[in-house]
Amino acid sequence: MENISENLLNEVEDYLKLSLNNIFDLRLILNSYLKSKNVPGFENLCFTGKYINGLFKVLKDSPSLPEVKNVDHVKKDIADNIEKITGQLRQVSLGLNEVEKKI
């Protein structure tokens, strides 16, 4: 399992031509999802993270985006999805041992 996550993260870095931040944490999260065989949960976590990044870009660019009429709605959506991703990470941490949870 360790090899799968290591290979995947290396391929992501090669594809992005960037070094991933907090790669050890990412490996722990990925291994926990692999151990529990919860691929849909991992996909959902990835989607939520990508969605939050997009919302932050919309918020940052909102003054120049005429289609963004309600910044408060964007902020609420960000808060709701941060709460969602926090719950997802809390859930995945249940599969970690005590040393990994501290990390």
Protein backbone atom coordinates (compact mmCIF):
# COMPACT_ATOMS: atom_id res chain seq x y z
CA MET A 1 0.00 0.00 0.00
CA GLU A 2 2.84 2.37 0.85
CA ASN A 3 4.23 1.87 -2.67
CA ILE A 4 0.89 2.77 -4.26
CA SER A 5 0.61 6.06 -2.40
CA GLU A 6 4.31 6.83 -2.89
CA ASN A 7 4.05 6.17 -6.63
CA LEU A 8 0.85 8.20 -6.96
CA LEU A 9 2.30 11.20 -5.14
CA ASN A 10 5.51 11.00 -7.20
CA GLU A 11 3.44 10.90 -10.40
CA VAL A 12 1.43 13.92 -9.22
CA GLU A 13 4.65 15.87 -8.58
CA ASP A 14 6.03 14.85 -11.99
CA TYR A 15 2.79 15.87 -13.71
CA LEU A 16 2.57 19.21 -11.91
CA LYS A 17 6.31 19.87 -12.18
CA LEU A 18 6.06 21.01 -8.54
CA SER A 19 6.91 19.59 -5.15
CA LEU A 20 3.87 18.83 -3.04
CA ASN A 21 3.64 20.57 0.32
CA ASN A 22 3.19 18.33 3.36
CA ILE A 23 3.78 15.16 1.35
CA PHE A 24 4.08 13.05 4.51
CA ASP A 25 0.60 14.17 5.60
CA LEU A 26 -0.76 13.47 2.14
CA ARG A 27 0.75 9.99 2.26
CA LEU A 28 -0.91 9.30 5.64
CA ILE A 29 -4.30 10.43 4.33
CA LEU A 30 -3.97 8.45 1.11
CA ASN A 31 -2.83 5.31 2.95
CA SER A 32 -5.76 5.58 5.34
CA TYR A 33 -8.22 5.75 2.44
CA LEU A 34 -6.47 2.83 0.72
CA LYS A 35 -6.49 0.76 3.91
CA SER A 36 -10.23 1.29 4.34
CA LYS A 37 -10.81 0.70 0.61
CA ASN A 38 -12.75 3.97 0.50
CA VAL A 39 -11.88 5.28 -2.96
CA PRO A 40 -15.15 7.27 -3.25
CA GLY A 41 -14.30 8.99 0.05
CA PHE A 42 -10.87 9.93 -1.30
CA GLU A 43 -12.38 11.22 -4.53
CA ASN A 44 -14.87 13.27 -2.50
CA LEU A 45 -12.06 14.73 -0.37
CA CYS A 46 -10.13 15.68 -3.52
CA PHE A 47 -13.20 17.25 -5.12
CA THR A 48 -14.02 19.25 -1.98
CA GLY A 49 -10.44 20.54 -1.77
CA LYS A 50 -10.47 21.55 -5.43
CA TYR A 51 -13.87 23.20 -5.01
CA ILE A 52 -12.62 25.22 -2.00
CA ASN A 53 -9.60 26.39 -4.02
CA GLY A 54 -11.94 27.53 -6.78
CA LEU A 55 -14.13 29.39 -4.30
CA PHE A 56 -11.10 31.21 -2.91
CA LYS A 57 -10.13 32.26 -6.45
CA VAL A 58 -13.67 33.53 -7.05
CA LEU A 59 -13.57 35.46 -3.78
CA LYS A 60 -10.17 36.96 -4.60
CA ASP A 61 -11.25 37.96 -8.11
CA SER A 62 -14.80 38.96 -7.16
CA PRO A 63 -14.25 42.72 -7.57
CA SER A 64 -13.47 42.18 -11.25
CA LEU A 65 -16.12 39.50 -11.89
CA PRO A 66 -19.49 41.06 -12.75
CA GLU A 67 -21.28 37.70 -12.38
CA VAL A 68 -20.38 37.57 -8.67
CA LYS A 69 -23.18 39.60 -7.13
CA ASN A 70 -23.18 38.18 -3.62
CA VAL A 71 -19.76 37.76 -1.99
CA ASP A 72 -21.45 36.72 1.26
CA HIS A 73 -22.85 33.66 -0.52
CA VAL A 74 -19.33 32.71 -1.68
CA LYS A 75 -17.99 33.18 1.86
CA LYS A 76 -20.76 30.99 3.27
CA ASP A 77 -20.03 28.32 0.66
CA ILE A 78 -16.34 28.42 1.64
CA ALA A 79 -17.20 28.07 5.34
CA ASP A 80 -19.61 25.19 4.66
CA ASN A 81 -17.05 23.33 2.56
CA ILE A 82 -14.22 23.90 5.03
CA GLU A 83 -16.49 22.36 7.65
CA LYS A 84 -17.17 19.48 5.25
CA ILE A 85 -13.49 18.83 4.53
CA THR A 86 -12.65 19.05 8.24
CA GLY A 87 -15.22 16.34 8.89
CA GLN A 88 -13.80 14.23 6.07
CA LEU A 89 -10.28 14.54 7.51
CA ARG A 90 -11.57 13.77 11.00
CA GLN A 91 -13.25 10.64 9.61
CA VAL A 92 -10.13 9.46 7.78
CA SER A 93 -8.03 10.05 10.88
CA LEU A 94 -10.00 7.31 12.63
CA GLY A 95 -8.00 4.81 10.58
CA LEU A 96 -4.65 6.17 11.79
CA ASN A 97 -2.65 4.90 14.74
CA GLU A 98 -1.87 7.19 17.67
CA VAL A 99 1.55 8.27 16.35
CA GLU A 100 0.10 9.11 12.93
CA LYS A 101 -2.79 11.04 14.53
CA LYS A 102 -0.30 13.24 16.41
CA ILE A 103 1.53 14.00 13.17
